[in-house]
């Protein structure tokens, strides 16, 4: 993928899967690429609707699924029917701390944990191709408020 940008990578993915870049998809992909952090399909839908009110929520959702399949997006299930998305293309791997009360999400990177995960996989005969780790608990703000998990 060197030399290509995210948008062109998505166009190439579509073409290799006998699909086209429609004007609606182009608008959604543009909004996706402008949105950093973690966001839901509904969040992206509301952003898209500000500029293109004719684009439906189902079109946004289907395009997000294509973005995940193409490797440009990553998604994770937060439970209770909530899926969050984030950029994956040209973004370094990271894991997540998630507050079980307020939903705060913090991205973390720890090289010791990364090495240990590879060691554990190799011990079982696996070669890792990818992984995700989510650590759940109370953030400092919720702890200070005396909230119990």
Protein backbone atom coordinates (compact mmCIF):
# COMPACT_ATOMS: atom_id res chain seq x y z
CA UNK A 1 0.00 0.00 0.00
CA UNK A 2 3.00 2.32 0.05
CA UNK A 3 2.50 5.50 -1.93
CA UNK A 4 -1.29 5.23 -1.84
CA UNK A 5 -3.58 7.27 0.30
CA UNK A 6 -6.52 5.88 2.24
CA UNK A 7 -9.11 7.05 -0.27
CA UNK A 8 -7.33 5.42 -3.21
CA UNK A 9 -6.87 2.23 -1.18
CA UNK A 10 -10.64 2.11 -0.69
CA UNK A 11 -11.32 2.74 -4.39
CA UNK A 12 -8.90 -0.08 -5.27
CA UNK A 13 -10.63 -2.38 -2.78
CA UNK A 14 -14.01 -1.65 -4.34
CA UNK A 15 -12.73 -2.22 -7.88
CA UNK A 16 -11.06 -5.51 -6.88
CA UNK A 17 -14.45 -6.62 -5.52
CA UNK A 18 -16.41 -5.54 -8.61
CA UNK A 19 -17.94 -2.52 -6.90
CA UNK A 20 -17.89 1.17 -7.75
CA UNK A 21 -17.19 4.33 -5.81
CA UNK A 22 -20.60 5.98 -5.85
CA UNK A 23 -21.09 9.65 -4.96
CA UNK A 24 -22.75 8.56 -1.70
CA UNK A 25 -19.82 6.32 -0.78
CA UNK A 26 -17.38 9.10 -1.66
CA UNK A 27 -19.18 11.47 0.73
CA UNK A 28 -19.25 8.87 3.52
CA UNK A 29 -15.59 7.93 3.05
CA UNK A 30 -14.63 11.61 3.10
CA UNK A 31 -16.51 12.15 6.36
CA UNK A 32 -14.99 8.98 7.81
CA UNK A 33 -11.46 10.10 6.95
CA UNK A 34 -12.10 13.50 8.58
CA UNK A 35 -13.33 11.90 11.82
CA UNK A 36 -10.67 10.87 14.34
CA UNK A 37 -11.16 8.89 17.52
CA UNK A 38 -13.94 6.41 18.23
CA UNK A 39 -17.40 6.95 16.79
CA UNK A 40 -20.58 5.03 16.06
CA UNK A 41 -22.30 4.59 12.72
CA UNK A 42 -24.94 7.01 14.02
CA UNK A 43 -22.28 9.63 14.74
CA UNK A 44 -20.97 9.35 11.19
CA UNK A 45 -24.51 9.35 9.79
CA UNK A 46 -25.30 12.66 11.53
CA UNK A 47 -22.06 14.17 10.22
CA UNK A 48 -22.82 13.03 6.65
CA UNK A 49 -26.41 14.30 6.82
CA UNK A 50 -25.18 17.84 7.50
CA UNK A 51 -23.77 18.02 3.97
CA UNK A 52 -25.84 15.36 2.15
CA UNK A 53 -29.29 14.98 3.73
CA UNK A 54 -30.34 12.40 1.11
CA UNK A 55 -27.91 9.74 2.32
CA UNK A 56 -29.60 7.12 4.47
CA UNK A 57 -28.37 5.47 7.64
CA UNK A 58 -28.29 2.05 5.95
CA UNK A 59 -25.93 3.41 3.27
CA UNK A 60 -23.60 4.76 5.97
CA UNK A 61 -23.67 1.42 7.78
CA UNK A 62 -22.98 -0.60 4.62
CA UNK A 63 -20.11 1.72 3.67
CA UNK A 64 -18.61 1.34 7.16
CA UNK A 65 -18.70 -2.44 6.71
CA UNK A 66 -16.82 -2.02 3.41
CA UNK A 67 -14.30 0.26 5.12
CA UNK A 68 -13.66 -2.44 7.74
CA UNK A 69 -13.29 -5.16 5.09
CA UNK A 70 -10.89 -2.95 3.12
CA UNK A 71 -8.64 -2.49 6.16
CA UNK A 72 -9.23 1.25 6.45
CA UNK A 73 -11.45 0.98 9.53
CA UNK A 74 -11.55 -1.13 12.63
CA UNK A 75 -14.62 -1.74 14.73
CA UNK A 76 -15.33 -3.13 18.15
CA UNK A 77 -18.48 -4.15 19.93
CA UNK A 78 -19.04 -2.14 23.11
CA UNK A 79 -22.01 -4.30 24.10
CA UNK A 80 -25.66 -3.34 24.35
CA UNK A 81 -25.85 -2.98 20.55
CA UNK A 82 -23.15 -0.30 20.28
CA UNK A 83 -20.34 -0.74 17.76
CA UNK A 84 -17.59 1.85 17.56
CA UNK A 85 -15.34 2.52 14.60
CA UNK A 86 -11.90 4.04 14.24
CA UNK A 87 -9.25 4.51 11.58
CA UNK A 88 -6.97 1.55 10.94
CA UNK A 89 -5.11 2.69 7.81
CA UNK A 90 -1.72 4.21 8.62
CA UNK A 91 -2.56 4.30 12.34
CA UNK A 92 -0.35 2.39 14.76
CA UNK A 93 -1.73 -0.58 16.67
CA UNK A 94 -3.09 0.22 20.11
CA UNK A 95 -5.22 -1.34 22.80
CA UNK A 96 -8.01 0.25 24.85
CA UNK A 97 -8.91 1.11 28.42
CA UNK A 98 -12.69 1.53 28.74
CA UNK A 99 -14.57 2.95 31.72
CA UNK A 100 -17.57 0.78 32.58
CA UNK A 101 -19.51 3.76 33.97
CA UNK A 102 -18.99 6.79 31.75
CA UNK A 103 -17.71 4.99 28.64
CA UNK A 104 -14.45 6.95 28.45
CA UNK A 105 -12.01 5.26 26.08
CA UNK A 106 -8.27 5.66 26.24
CA UNK A 107 -5.83 4.24 23.71
CA UNK A 108 -2.77 2.57 25.19
CA UNK A 109 0.43 1.06 23.83
CA UNK A 110 2.71 -1.12 25.91
CA UNK A 111 5.60 -2.92 24.22
CA UNK A 112 5.96 -5.42 27.08
CA UNK A 113 2.33 -6.54 26.65
CA UNK A 114 2.77 -6.70 22.87
CA UNK A 115 5.84 -8.95 23.20
CA UNK A 116 4.09 -11.12 25.79
CA UNK A 117 1.09 -11.67 23.50
CA UNK A 118 3.40 -12.86 20.71
CA UNK A 119 5.17 -15.20 23.15
CA UNK A 120 1.88 -16.66 24.37
CA UNK A 121 0.68 -17.25 20.83
CA UNK A 122 3.96 -18.86 19.78
CA UNK A 123 3.91 -21.13 22.84
CA UNK A 124 0.63 -22.52 21.50
CA UNK A 125 1.98 -22.79 17.95
CA UNK A 126 0.24 -19.67 16.64
CA UNK A 127 1.66 -16.84 14.59
CA UNK A 128 -0.31 -13.68 15.32
CA UNK A 129 -1.67 -11.72 12.40
CA UNK A 130 -3.67 -9.26 14.49
CA UNK A 131 -5.23 -8.87 17.91
CA UNK A 132 -7.25 -6.54 20.11
CA UNK A 133 -7.20 -6.02 23.83
CA UNK A 134 -9.82 -4.18 25.86
CA UNK A 135 -9.33 -3.52 29.56
CA UNK A 136 -12.48 -2.53 31.45
CA UNK A 137 -12.69 -0.69 34.76
CA UNK A 138 -13.34 2.69 36.31
CA UNK A 139 -11.61 5.82 35.04
CA UNK A 140 -10.05 8.25 37.54
CA UNK A 141 -12.98 10.69 37.28
CA UNK A 142 -15.59 8.04 38.13
CA UNK A 143 -13.41 6.69 40.96
CA UNK A 144 -13.09 10.21 42.44
CA UNK A 145 -16.88 10.50 42.36
CA UNK A 146 -17.05 7.39 44.50
CA UNK A 147 -18.74 5.32 41.81
CA UNK A 148 -18.44 1.58 42.32
CA UNK A 149 -18.05 -0.87 39.47
